[in-house]
Amino acid sequence: MSERPRNDDPDPTDAFDGLVEAETDRDPDLAVIEAGSRTLRAQAGPPQGDPIPARPADPEVDRALRAVEEELAGRWGETKLDPSVKRIVALLDVLGSPQRAYPSIHITGTNGKTSTARMIEALLGAFDLRTGRYTSPHVQSITERISLDGSPISAERFIETYRDLAPYLEMIDGQQEYRLSFFEVLTAMAFAAFADAPVDVAVVEVGMGGTWDATNVIDGDVAVITPISLDHTDRLGETPEQIAGEKSGIIKKDATVVLAQQPVDAASVMLKRAVEVDATVAREGMEFGVLSREVAVGGQMLTLRGLGGEYPEIFLPLYGAHQAHNAAVALAAVEAFFGVGSDHARTLDIDTIRSAFAAVASPGRMEVVRRSPTVVLDAAHNPAGARAAAEAVTEAFGFSRLIGVVGTSDDKDVRGVLEAFEPIFAEVVVTRNSSHRAMDPDELAAVAVEVFGAERVQVEPRLDDALEAAITLAEEEGEFSGAGVLVVGSVITVGEARLLLGRN
């Protein structure tokens, strides 16, 4: 593995360590990230219209939010699960079943769930419906997970919602074999916030799976299943067919099921489930799909076929064929919600559709956060997502030389992810994020050497150093060379890189 000499300019290490030490009331790992961001921020362009909220400016609110975050973190994390909905059902019962106060669109799948949810939310909002969106995990701020009218709820509202639920949490904790988990509490908070708003429709993304996911206490009028591939195999199954069996649990009686393109064996499981519960099925490639797409400045231009007809000249400010397919799925889901294709055959207002798609943002998904050299972030963390990201960055950017920064979780198919990027990365810098689930950089490097060869692998245990090293490698070819950096491997890695590069 190559060990590259550092720049001989004045070393910022002492200043950096001082900043870390000054963050005495912060989580140690987050202190490193936030302090490191100050050493890299001057290199990045200013954020423009960032949809991710910053930390609260009011110190009292910030302290209160951190206290809530600490209480939530003391519960079971999102990867430790007891496959049951009994705890969330018990909690929602005492809250008066807020999840039944509005219709819902429920989304599962392996990849593309959050981007699809954001598109659905944008489309519904464009038709003057008040929306609630619940997605996970968050990129930077926990408040991102619960959105109203397209924006994360305020820190104050997040804190208030948690405090309102706190007495009931203690009650249910005392009645159950296991305490409510982090994800179960957040799910209940989202449903309560949506009922309190109130919203006209909720767009709800599963946390993991479907049948026993905490979100599966809703009866979605529309069930959306994005592409299925292998991920969380220890929990969901080792084949697409087994995973489809778990995810198809969100399909409810008399609902409409919107299916993205799927492996044949997975699709057959979902169709069987739909028949069992008398659900109506809309399939990508059959009832709806992408008719044409071409790369455009800042995204792509699409012609989509919906359930009610064609929608030409749709500009989508996101990169990659996978996002075009997500857009087709989102459009079909909204059409199904409005009854298009069943109650009546007509297209939705094309100008409204165009304006909604043109305003879509999906942070951390092929997101450009810096220029000269260009730094792109993508949350690809499994082989299917990595292949989609590799194709997207090649198509949209055409870098002359691309440097990868990779920080993964230790429970992922790391080899599969690295193999997907091997053809496009000239060199790769392996690192880690601040999560306890992060893969050790030396272990990740050992796999990377087998895939890339030792001369193309560099190890930087700290993410800020990894970003600096990758930017330096990209700059070696000169300002106008067309080199770039792609940061991948985990939503957490992407979120922390975003912070380090000056995005909030």
Protein backbone atom coordinates (compact mmCIF):
# COMPACT_ATOMS: atom_id res chain seq x y z
CA MET A 1 0.00 0.00 0.00
CA SER A 2 1.36 3.35 -0.95
CA GLU A 3 2.27 5.83 1.76
CA ARG A 4 2.24 9.26 0.16
CA PRO A 5 4.24 12.11 1.70
CA ARG A 6 2.16 14.88 3.14
CA ASN A 7 2.31 18.46 1.95
CA ASP A 8 5.24 20.31 3.50
CA ASP A 9 3.15 23.45 4.03
CA PRO A 10 2.51 24.41 7.68
CA ASP A 11 1.04 21.33 9.32
CA PRO A 12 -2.48 21.96 10.68
CA THR A 13 -2.28 19.00 13.08
CA ASP A 14 -1.62 21.03 16.21
CA ALA A 15 -4.44 23.42 15.44
CA PHE A 16 -6.74 20.55 14.57
CA ASP A 17 -5.99 18.70 17.82
CA GLY A 18 -6.60 21.92 19.71
CA LEU A 19 -10.00 22.29 18.12
CA VAL A 20 -10.85 18.72 19.08
CA GLU A 21 -9.78 19.30 22.68
CA ALA A 22 -11.89 22.46 22.78
CA GLU A 23 -15.00 20.42 21.99
CA THR A 24 -15.13 19.13 25.56
CA ASP A 25 -18.92 18.78 25.70
CA ARG A 26 -19.27 16.91 22.42
CA ASP A 27 -19.26 13.24 21.53
CA PRO A 28 -15.53 12.47 20.95
CA ASP A 29 -16.01 11.10 17.43
CA LEU A 30 -18.29 13.95 16.39
CA ALA A 31 -15.80 16.42 17.85
CA VAL A 32 -13.14 15.08 15.48
CA ILE A 33 -15.51 15.38 12.53
CA GLU A 34 -16.68 18.90 13.38
CA ALA A 35 -13.19 20.15 14.15
CA GLY A 36 -11.84 18.56 11.00
CA SER A 37 -14.46 20.31 8.94
CA ARG A 38 -12.91 23.64 9.82
CA THR A 39 -9.59 22.59 8.27
CA LEU A 40 -11.25 21.56 4.99
CA ARG A 41 -14.08 24.08 4.75
CA ALA A 42 -11.99 26.81 3.19
CA GLN A 43 -11.25 24.48 0.26
CA ALA A 44 -14.93 23.94 -0.58
CA GLY A 45 -17.45 26.25 -2.19
CA PRO A 46 -20.24 27.72 -0.06
CA PRO A 47 -23.34 25.56 0.39
CA GLN A 48 -26.32 26.65 -1.69
CA GLY A 49 -29.83 25.94 -0.52
CA ASP A 50 -28.86 22.91 1.52
CA PRO A 51 -31.89 20.72 2.39
CA ILE A 52 -30.07 19.28 5.40
CA PRO A 53 -30.56 21.29 8.63
CA ALA A 54 -27.61 22.60 10.57
CA ARG A 55 -27.24 22.27 14.32
CA PRO A 56 -29.56 24.66 16.18
CA ALA A 57 -28.08 28.14 16.52
CA ASP A 58 -29.61 28.59 19.98
CA PRO A 59 -27.27 26.91 22.52
CA GLU A 60 -30.18 25.94 24.77
CA VAL A 61 -32.03 24.23 21.93
CA ASP A 62 -28.83 22.52 20.80
CA ARG A 63 -28.25 21.15 24.30
CA ALA A 64 -31.84 19.93 24.52
CA LEU A 65 -31.56 18.22 21.14
CA ARG A 66 -28.32 16.54 22.16
CA ALA A 67 -29.99 15.30 25.33
CA VAL A 68 -32.77 13.72 23.28
CA GLU A 69 -30.22 12.20 20.90
CA GLU A 70 -28.36 10.70 23.85
CA GLU A 71 -31.56 9.21 25.27
CA LEU A 72 -32.43 7.69 21.90
CA ALA A 73 -28.89 6.38 21.46
CA GLY A 74 -29.21 4.55 24.78
CA ARG A 75 -31.83 2.28 23.20
CA TRP A 76 -31.28 -0.61 20.82
CA GLY A 77 -29.69 0.64 17.63
CA GLU A 78 -31.14 0.16 14.18
CA THR A 79 -29.15 -3.00 13.49
CA LYS A 80 -30.19 -4.82 16.67
CA LEU A 81 -33.71 -6.07 16.13
CA ASP A 82 -36.35 -8.27 17.67
CA PRO A 83 -38.51 -9.20 14.64
CA SER A 84 -41.86 -8.12 16.02
CA VAL A 85 -44.23 -5.15 15.84
CA LYS A 86 -45.81 -5.82 19.24
CA ARG A 87 -43.93 -3.02 21.04
CA ILE A 88 -44.70 -0.34 18.46
CA VAL A 89 -48.34 -1.50 18.34
CA ALA A 90 -48.60 -1.22 22.14
CA LEU A 91 -47.11 2.28 22.06
CA LEU A 92 -49.32 3.53 19.25
CA ASP A 93 -52.39 2.10 20.97
CA VAL A 94 -51.81 4.24 24.04
CA LEU A 95 -51.16 7.23 21.78
CA GLY A 96 -54.54 6.80 20.11
CA SER A 97 -53.25 5.23 16.86
CA PRO A 98 -52.00 8.44 15.20
CA GLN A 99 -50.88 6.45 12.13
CA ARG A 100 -54.54 5.98 11.18
CA ALA A 101 -55.26 9.72 11.01
CA TYR A 102 -54.11 10.04 7.38
CA PRO A 103 -53.58 7.89 4.25
CA SER A 104 -50.09 6.58 3.60
CA ILE A 105 -47.73 5.54 0.83
CA HIS A 106 -45.41 2.82 2.14
CA ILE A 107 -41.99 2.20 0.56
CA THR A 108 -39.66 -0.78 0.84
CA GLY A 109 -36.90 -2.30 -1.31
CA THR A 110 -33.11 -2.54 -1.14
CA ASN A 111 -31.88 0.56 -2.96
CA GLY A 112 -33.48 3.86 -3.93
CA LYS A 113 -36.06 4.10 -1.15
CA THR A 114 -35.13 7.54 0.17
CA SER A 115 -34.71 9.16 -3.25
CA THR A 116 -38.07 7.70 -4.32
CA ALA A 117 -39.69 8.94 -1.12
CA ARG A 118 -38.36 12.45 -1.72
CA MET A 119 -39.72 12.43 -5.26
CA ILE A 120 -43.14 11.22 -4.12
CA GLU A 121 -43.18 13.91 -1.46
CA ALA A 122 -42.29 16.60 -4.01
CA LEU A 123 -45.01 15.46 -6.41
CA LEU A 124 -47.71 15.35 -3.74
CA GLY A 125 -46.68 18.75 -2.42
CA ALA A 126 -46.87 20.23 -5.90
CA PHE A 127 -50.55 19.23 -5.95
CA ASP A 128 -51.11 21.23 -2.74
CA LEU A 129 -51.26 18.27 -0.38
CA ARG A 130 -49.68 18.61 3.04
CA THR A 131 -47.12 15.84 3.33
CA GLY A 132 -45.26 14.04 6.08
CA ARG A 133 -42.16 12.04 5.11
CA TYR A 134 -40.37 9.50 7.30
CA THR A 135 -37.04 8.18 5.98
CA SER A 136 -33.89 6.61 7.35
CA PRO A 137 -31.04 6.72 8.05
CA HIS A 138 -30.24 10.41 8.24
CA VAL A 139 -27.29 11.95 6.43
CA GLN A 140 -26.29 14.52 9.06
CA SER A 141 -29.13 15.51 11.37
CA ILE A 142 -31.54 13.19 13.12
CA THR A 143 -34.34 15.68 12.43
CA GLU A 144 -34.05 14.86 8.69
CA ARG A 145 -35.94 11.66 9.31
CA ILE A 146 -39.24 13.43 9.99
CA SER A 147 -40.29 16.02 7.42
CA LEU A 148 -43.38 18.16 7.00
CA ASP A 149 -44.17 19.84 3.69
CA GLY A 150 -40.78 18.87 2.30
CA SER A 151 -38.64 20.22 5.14
CA PRO A 152 -37.26 18.48 8.23
CA ILE A 153 -39.15 19.39 11.38
CA SER A 154 -37.45 21.99 13.52
CA ALA A 155 -35.22 20.95 16.39
CA GLU A 156 -37.75 22.50 18.77
CA ARG A 157 -40.58 20.43 17.34
CA PHE A 158 -38.47 17.28 17.40
CA ILE A 159 -37.66 17.83 21.08
CA GLU A 160 -41.29 18.64 21.92
CA THR A 161 -42.55 15.51 20.14
CA TYR A 162 -40.09 13.33 22.03
CA ARG A 163 -40.95 14.89 25.39
CA ASP A 164 -44.66 14.39 24.71
CA LEU A 165 -44.05 10.69 24.11
CA ALA A 166 -41.53 10.13 26.93
CA PRO A 167 -44.03 9.14 29.67
CA TYR A 168 -45.63 6.60 27.35
CA LEU A 169 -42.24 5.20 26.39
CA GLU A 170 -41.51 4.44 30.03
CA MET A 171 -44.91 2.79 30.40
CA ILE A 172 -44.42 0.48 27.39
CA ASP A 173 -40.79 -0.26 28.31
CA GLY A 174 -42.02 -1.58 31.65
CA GLN A 175 -44.61 -3.84 30.05
CA GLN A 176 -42.48 -5.48 27.36
CA GLU A 177 -39.72 -8.07 27.39
CA TYR A 178 -37.44 -5.59 25.58
CA ARG A 179 -37.45 -1.82 25.67
CA LEU A 180 -38.62 0.08 22.61
CA SER A 181 -35.76 0.48 20.15
CA PHE A 182 -34.28 3.66 18.72
CA PHE A 183 -36.13 3.09 15.44
CA GLU A 184 -39.43 2.22 17.09
CA VAL A 185 -39.41 5.44 19.10
CA LEU A 186 -38.56 7.55 16.05
CA THR A 187 -41.32 5.83 14.07
CA ALA A 188 -43.88 6.66 16.76
CA MET A 189 -42.59 10.24 16.87
CA ALA A 190 -43.08 10.57 13.11
CA PHE A 191 -46.62 9.21 13.19
CA ALA A 192 -47.50 11.50 16.10
CA ALA A 193 -45.97 14.56 14.41
CA PHE A 194 -47.89 13.81 11.21
CA ALA A 195 -51.19 13.51 13.09
CA ASP A 196 -50.49 16.70 15.03
CA ALA A 197 -49.67 18.72 11.88
CA PRO A 198 -52.04 17.33 10.47
CA VAL A 199 -50.88 15.97 7.11
CA ASP A 200 -52.97 14.98 4.11
CA VAL A 201 -50.72 12.01 3.31
CA ALA A 202 -47.68 10.34 4.83
CA VAL A 203 -44.78 8.95 2.78
CA VAL A 204 -43.21 6.26 4.95
CA GLU A 205 -39.98 4.39 4.23
CA VAL A 206 -39.34 1.10 6.05
CA GLY A 207 -36.26 0.81 8.19
CA MET A 208 -35.44 -2.77 7.22
CA GLY A 209 -37.46 -5.47 5.52
CA GLY A 210 -41.20 -5.12 5.68
CA THR A 211 -43.32 -7.67 7.55
CA TRP A 212 -41.88 -7.01 11.00
CA ASP A 213 -40.55 -3.50 10.37
CA ALA A 214 -41.80 -0.95 12.90
CA THR A 215 -43.42 1.07 10.12
CA ASN A 216 -45.61 -1.88 9.13
CA VAL A 217 -48.40 -0.79 11.45
CA ILE A 218 -49.79 1.38 8.68
CA ASP A 219 -52.12 0.20 5.92
CA GLY A 220 -50.57 1.94 2.96
CA ASP A 221 -53.04 2.82 0.22
CA VAL A 222 -50.05 2.46 -2.10
CA ALA A 223 -47.18 0.03 -1.47
CA VAL A 224 -43.97 0.81 -3.35
CA ILE A 225 -41.21 -1.77 -3.75
CA THR A 226 -37.95 -0.41 -5.18
CA PRO A 227 -35.34 -2.78 -6.69
CA ILE A 228 -34.42 -5.73 -4.49
CA SER A 229 -30.88 -7.05 -4.21
CA LEU A 230 -28.78 -8.71 -1.52
CA ASP A 231 -28.32 -6.67 1.66
CA HIS A 232 -28.92 -7.39 5.36
CA THR A 233 -28.85 -11.07 4.40
CA ASP A 234 -28.44 -12.12 8.03
CA ARG A 235 -31.86 -10.60 8.74
CA LEU A 236 -33.83 -10.79 5.51
CA GLY A 237 -32.61 -13.89 3.71
CA GLU A 238 -29.78 -14.98 1.43
CA THR A 239 -31.63 -14.85 -1.91
CA PRO A 240 -33.74 -12.20 -3.66
CA GLU A 241 -36.70 -14.55 -3.33
CA GLN A 242 -36.34 -14.79 0.45
CA ILE A 243 -35.83 -11.04 0.78
CA ALA A 244 -38.90 -10.39 -1.39
CA GLY A 245 -40.97 -12.56 0.94
CA GLU A 246 -40.08 -10.31 3.86
CA LYS A 247 -40.48 -7.04 1.98
CA SER A 248 -43.81 -7.99 0.39
CA GLY A 249 -45.28 -7.88 3.91
CA ILE A 250 -46.10 -4.20 3.38
CA ILE A 251 -48.64 -5.11 0.66
CA LYS A 252 -52.06 -4.76 2.29
CA LYS A 253 -55.56 -5.76 1.26
CA ASP A 254 -57.00 -3.73 -1.64
CA ALA A 255 -53.87 -1.58 -1.92
CA THR A 256 -52.10 -0.68 -5.15
CA VAL A 257 -48.59 -2.14 -5.46
CA VAL A 258 -46.04 -0.23 -7.54
CA LEU A 259 -43.20 -2.57 -8.45
CA ALA A 260 -39.85 -1.35 -9.75
CA GLN A 261 -37.96 -3.72 -12.03
CA GLN A 262 -37.14 -6.83 -9.99
CA PRO A 263 -35.31 -10.14 -10.29
CA VAL A 264 -37.76 -12.68 -11.70
CA ASP A 265 -37.86 -14.86 -8.59
CA ALA A 266 -38.41 -11.81 -6.36
CA ALA A 267 -41.18 -10.46 -8.61
CA SER A 268 -43.04 -13.78 -8.52
CA VAL A 269 -43.13 -13.70 -4.71
CA MET A 270 -44.52 -10.17 -4.69
CA LEU A 271 -47.14 -10.91 -7.33
CA LYS A 272 -48.29 -13.94 -5.37
CA ARG A 273 -48.66 -11.80 -2.24
CA ALA A 274 -50.65 -9.21 -4.22
CA VAL A 275 -53.05 -11.88 -5.45
CA GLU A 276 -53.53 -13.20 -1.91
CA VAL A 277 -54.68 -9.81 -0.62
CA ASP A 278 -56.53 -8.59 -3.73
CA ALA A 279 -54.03 -5.81 -4.36
CA THR A 280 -53.75 -4.08 -7.74
CA VAL A 281 -50.28 -4.31 -9.32
CA ALA A 282 -48.48 -1.77 -11.50
CA ARG A 283 -45.16 -3.06 -12.89
CA GLU A 284 -42.26 -1.05 -14.25
CA GLY A 285 -41.71 -2.04 -17.85
CA MET A 286 -45.35 -3.04 -18.24
CA GLU A 287 -47.83 -0.49 -16.88
CA PHE A 288 -45.26 2.33 -16.47
CA GLY A 289 -41.60 3.09 -17.07
CA VAL A 290 -38.87 5.25 -18.57
CA LEU A 291 -39.44 5.84 -22.28
CA SER A 292 -36.32 7.90 -22.88
CA ARG A 293 -33.57 9.67 -21.02
CA GLU A 294 -30.58 11.78 -21.93
CA VAL A 295 -27.88 13.45 -19.90
CA ALA A 296 -28.47 17.16 -19.33
CA VAL A 297 -26.55 19.89 -17.51
CA GLY A 298 -27.13 19.30 -13.80
CA GLY A 299 -29.11 16.09 -14.25
CA GLN A 300 -31.10 14.39 -17.00
CA MET A 301 -34.08 14.91 -19.30
CA LEU A 302 -36.74 12.20 -19.21
CA THR A 303 -39.87 11.05 -20.93
CA LEU A 304 -41.85 8.88 -18.53
CA ARG A 305 -44.83 6.66 -19.15
CA GLY A 306 -47.19 6.77 -16.24
CA LEU A 307 -50.33 4.83 -15.50
CA GLY A 308 -52.37 7.46 -17.32
CA GLY A 309 -50.13 8.26 -20.29
CA GLU A 310 -46.86 9.93 -21.30
CA TYR A 311 -45.06 12.74 -19.50
CA PRO A 312 -42.46 14.30 -21.83
CA GLU A 313 -39.64 16.76 -21.13
CA ILE A 314 -39.20 16.07 -17.43
CA PHE A 315 -35.99 17.55 -16.05
CA LEU A 316 -34.63 15.62 -13.08
CA PRO A 317 -31.69 17.29 -11.27
CA LEU A 318 -30.24 13.94 -10.18
CA TYR A 319 -27.67 11.78 -11.94
CA GLY A 320 -27.85 8.19 -13.12
CA ALA A 321 -30.20 5.78 -14.85
CA HIS A 322 -31.24 4.44 -11.44
CA GLN A 323 -32.66 7.85 -10.52
CA ALA A 324 -34.66 7.94 -13.75
CA HIS A 325 -36.20 4.60 -12.76
CA ASN A 326 -36.86 5.93 -9.27
CA ALA A 327 -38.66 8.87 -10.88
CA ALA A 328 -40.87 6.52 -12.91
CA VAL A 329 -41.75 4.57 -9.76
CA ALA A 330 -42.50 7.78 -7.83
CA LEU A 331 -44.75 9.09 -10.59
CA ALA A 332 -46.68 5.81 -10.78
CA ALA A 333 -47.10 5.80 -6.99
CA VAL A 334 -48.57 9.31 -7.00
CA GLU A 335 -50.83 8.47 -9.93
CA ALA A 336 -52.04 5.38 -8.05
CA PHE A 337 -52.69 7.49 -4.97
CA PHE A 338 -54.86 9.83 -7.07
CA GLY A 339 -56.65 6.91 -8.70
CA VAL A 340 -55.11 7.37 -12.15
CA GLY A 341 -55.15 4.13 -14.12
CA SER A 342 -58.00 2.59 -12.13
CA ASP A 343 -60.80 5.09 -11.49
CA HIS A 344 -59.96 7.11 -14.60
CA ALA A 345 -57.45 7.22 -17.43
CA ARG A 346 -55.75 10.59 -17.70
CA THR A 347 -52.39 12.12 -17.02
CA LEU A 348 -51.75 14.46 -14.13
CA ASP A 349 -51.06 18.10 -14.98
CA ILE A 350 -47.77 18.02 -16.88
CA ASP A 351 -46.57 21.46 -15.76
CA THR A 352 -47.10 20.52 -12.12
CA ILE A 353 -45.21 17.28 -12.63
CA ARG A 354 -42.35 19.06 -14.36
CA SER A 355 -41.99 21.71 -11.66
CA ALA A 356 -42.08 19.09 -8.90
CA PHE A 357 -39.36 16.90 -10.41
CA ALA A 358 -37.21 19.92 -11.23
CA ALA A 359 -37.16 20.83 -7.52
CA VAL A 360 -36.17 17.39 -6.22
CA ALA A 361 -33.01 17.04 -4.13
CA SER A 362 -31.55 13.88 -2.61
CA PRO A 363 -28.59 14.72 -0.37
CA GLY A 364 -25.78 12.19 -0.35
CA ARG A 365 -26.94 10.57 -3.58
CA MET A 366 -24.49 11.44 -6.38
CA GLU A 367 -24.27 14.87 -4.76
CA VAL A 368 -21.63 17.41 -5.81
CA VAL A 369 -20.29 19.23 -2.74
CA ARG A 370 -17.17 20.85 -4.12
CA ARG A 371 -15.60 21.98 -7.39
CA SER A 372 -11.98 22.12 -8.56
CA PRO A 373 -11.50 19.29 -8.03
CA THR A 374 -15.06 18.04 -8.09
CA VAL A 375 -16.02 15.98 -5.04
CA VAL A 376 -19.10 13.78 -5.34
CA LEU A 377 -20.79 11.94 -2.47
CA ASP A 378 -22.89 8.81 -2.85
CA ALA A 379 -24.29 6.58 -0.12
CA ALA A 380 -23.73 3.36 -2.11
CA HIS A 381 -23.07 0.64 0.46
CA ASN A 382 -23.91 -2.65 -1.28
CA PRO A 383 -22.83 -4.08 -4.64
CA ALA A 384 -26.02 -3.15 -6.50
CA GLY A 385 -25.85 0.43 -5.24
CA ALA A 386 -22.15 0.59 -6.05
CA ARG A 387 -22.71 -0.57 -9.63
CA ALA A 388 -25.43 2.06 -10.08
CA ALA A 389 -23.15 4.76 -8.67
CA ALA A 390 -20.23 3.70 -10.87
CA GLU A 391 -22.40 3.86 -13.98
CA ALA A 392 -23.87 7.22 -12.95
CA VAL A 393 -20.59 8.96 -12.23
CA THR A 394 -19.09 7.66 -15.49
CA GLU A 395 -22.06 8.82 -17.53
CA ALA A 396 -22.61 12.20 -15.90
CA PHE A 397 -19.09 13.44 -15.21
CA GLY A 398 -16.59 11.72 -17.49
CA PHE A 399 -13.67 12.32 -15.13
CA SER A 400 -10.24 11.85 -16.67
CA ARG A 401 -9.09 10.35 -13.38
CA LEU A 402 -11.25 9.43 -10.41
CA ILE A 403 -10.04 8.94 -6.84
CA GLY A 404 -12.22 6.93 -4.47
CA VAL A 405 -12.69 7.46 -0.74
CA VAL A 406 -14.27 4.38 0.81
CA GLY A 407 -15.48 3.91 4.38
CA THR A 408 -17.87 1.01 4.97
CA SER A 409 -19.68 -0.77 7.77
CA ASP A 410 -18.29 -4.11 8.85
CA ASP A 411 -21.48 -6.04 8.04
CA LYS A 412 -21.53 -5.24 4.32
CA ASP A 413 -20.32 -7.07 1.20
CA VAL A 414 -17.19 -4.96 1.06
CA ARG A 415 -15.52 -6.97 -1.68
CA GLY A 416 -18.59 -6.63 -3.88
CA VAL A 417 -18.64 -2.86 -3.36
CA LEU A 418 -14.92 -2.49 -4.14
CA GLU A 419 -15.16 -4.71 -7.22
CA ALA A 420 -17.95 -2.51 -8.59
CA PHE A 421 -15.71 0.57 -8.33
CA GLU A 422 -12.43 -1.02 -9.41
CA PRO A 423 -12.85 -0.23 -13.13
CA ILE A 424 -13.41 3.49 -12.49
CA PHE A 425 -11.11 4.31 -9.53
CA ALA A 426 -7.53 5.15 -10.49
CA GLU A 427 -6.64 4.99 -6.80
CA VAL A 428 -8.62 4.42 -3.63
CA VAL A 429 -8.18 5.89 -0.15
CA VAL A 430 -9.71 3.63 2.50
CA THR A 431 -10.84 5.11 5.80
CA ARG A 432 -13.54 4.86 8.45
CA ASN A 433 -16.39 6.94 9.80
CA SER A 434 -17.14 7.57 13.46
CA SER A 435 -19.70 4.76 13.84
CA HIS A 436 -18.92 1.77 16.06
CA ARG A 437 -20.07 -0.33 13.09
CA ALA A 438 -17.38 1.06 10.80
CA MET A 439 -14.98 -1.46 9.30
CA ASP A 440 -11.41 -1.20 10.52
CA PRO A 441 -9.37 0.65 7.85
CA ASP A 442 -6.59 -1.95 7.85
CA GLU A 443 -9.09 -4.76 7.33
CA LEU A 444 -10.77 -2.77 4.57
CA ALA A 445 -7.36 -2.07 3.03
CA ALA A 446 -6.53 -5.78 2.99
CA VAL A 447 -9.59 -6.45 0.84
CA ALA A 448 -8.89 -3.37 -1.29
CA VAL A 449 -5.35 -4.56 -2.04
CA GLU A 450 -6.74 -7.86 -3.31
CA VAL A 451 -9.13 -5.98 -5.60
CA PHE A 452 -7.00 -2.98 -6.71
CA GLY A 453 -3.40 -3.99 -6.07
CA ALA A 454 -1.19 -2.48 -3.40
CA GLU A 455 0.06 0.40 -5.56
CA ARG A 456 -3.49 1.79 -5.92
CA VAL A 457 -4.46 1.67 -2.23
CA GLN A 458 -3.79 4.27 0.43
CA VAL A 459 -4.87 4.04 4.07
CA GLU A 460 -5.98 7.07 6.07
CA PRO A 461 -7.71 6.06 9.34
CA ARG A 462 -9.24 9.52 9.82
CA LEU A 463 -11.88 10.67 7.35
CA ASP A 464 -10.62 14.26 7.20
CA ASP A 465 -7.15 12.98 6.27
CA ALA A 466 -8.67 10.65 3.69
CA LEU A 467 -10.53 13.50 2.02
CA GLU A 468 -7.44 15.69 2.02
CA ALA A 469 -5.36 12.85 0.55
CA ALA A 470 -7.90 12.15 -2.18
CA ILE A 471 -8.19 15.83 -3.11
CA THR A 472 -4.39 16.05 -3.27
CA LEU A 473 -4.27 13.01 -5.56
CA ALA A 474 -6.88 14.56 -7.82
CA GLU A 475 -5.03 17.87 -7.91
CA GLU A 476 -1.79 16.20 -8.97
CA GLU A 477 -2.98 16.24 -12.58
CA GLY A 478 -3.52 19.99 -12.54
CA GLU A 479 -6.44 22.35 -12.18
CA PHE A 480 -7.90 21.68 -15.63
CA SER A 481 -7.27 17.94 -15.82
CA GLY A 482 -10.83 16.85 -15.12
CA ALA A 483 -9.93 14.67 -12.14
CA GLY A 484 -12.45 14.08 -9.37
CA VAL A 485 -13.16 12.40 -6.04
CA LEU A 486 -16.04 10.05 -5.22
CA VAL A 487 -16.83 9.32 -1.56
CA VAL A 488 -18.82 6.12 -0.97
CA GLY A 489 -19.44 3.19 1.38
CA SER A 490 -21.98 4.33 3.95
CA VAL A 491 -24.60 6.99 4.62
CA ILE A 492 -22.59 7.84 7.75
CA THR A 493 -19.37 8.26 5.76
CA VAL A 494 -21.17 10.51 3.30
CA GLY A 495 -22.79 12.56 6.05
CA GLU A 496 -19.52 13.15 7.85
CA ALA A 497 -17.72 13.97 4.59
CA ARG A 498 -20.50 16.45 3.86
CA LEU A 499 -19.86 18.14 7.19
CA LEU A 500 -16.11 18.14 6.70
CA LEU A 501 -16.48 19.80 3.33
CA GLY A 502 -18.55 22.63 4.71
CA ARG A 503 -22.12 21.47 4.17
CA ASN A 504 -23.64 22.58 7.49
